Amino acid sequence: MFIGRKKALFPPFTAFLCSLVYFFGLVLLTTFGPVFIDRSISYHLAFYASEQGRIHIDDIREEFSSEIFEKRIHDAIETGFLKDNGDGSYSPSAKAKFMTMTLFPLGKLTGSLGTYESMKEKMKDHE
């Protein structure tokens, strides 16, 4: 759209910078906006599944209250972040892996993964 026309609306570098700023703005909004606070367990589940390749429901269920956990698992499946393997385990989808590749480094950079790191430590006891 911006590139390939003789008279572009913006020079290619300006269009690239605008796109980059827009993308990181969306990432920041997703990470620090109200959705992050409400859905942090969903992020934790997606991050953990992406890192481990597979998560077992019984191991994780012990770390969260049953009502909250069941809702978050349901939400993660409905939104396409996790796939039910049918044997009590869940695998990350491509969407979860992409989200992890995008948001996890940002979380490390900002130091906002404290609760995730503590959940991961508790999960080591179940392995």
Foldseek 3Di string as FASTA:
>chain_A
DQPDDPDGPDPPVVVVVVVVVVVVVVLCCCCPPPVCVVQVVLLLVLLVLLVVQKAAQVLLPVVDPVVVSVVSVVVCVVVQQWDDPPPRMIHGDPVSNVNCVPNVVVCVVVVPCVVSVVSVVSSVVVD
